[in-house]
């Protein structure tokens, strides 16, 4: 099972098959003490992912 956060995507695709390609590892898996800490980390992850895509030829689709 894999959970994926798709940047700038807002469609209902639960239960649908998707293909995911790993291009860059942001960090190791972590556990967070509460939802607020997890939310802050997701914001950092999104910023790092946007930075990665801004400096590479890889285009998210």
Foldseek 3Di string as FASTA:
>chain_A
DDDDDAPPDDDDQPPHDDDDDDDDDDDDDDDDPDDVVVVVVVVVVVVVVVVVVVPDPDDRD
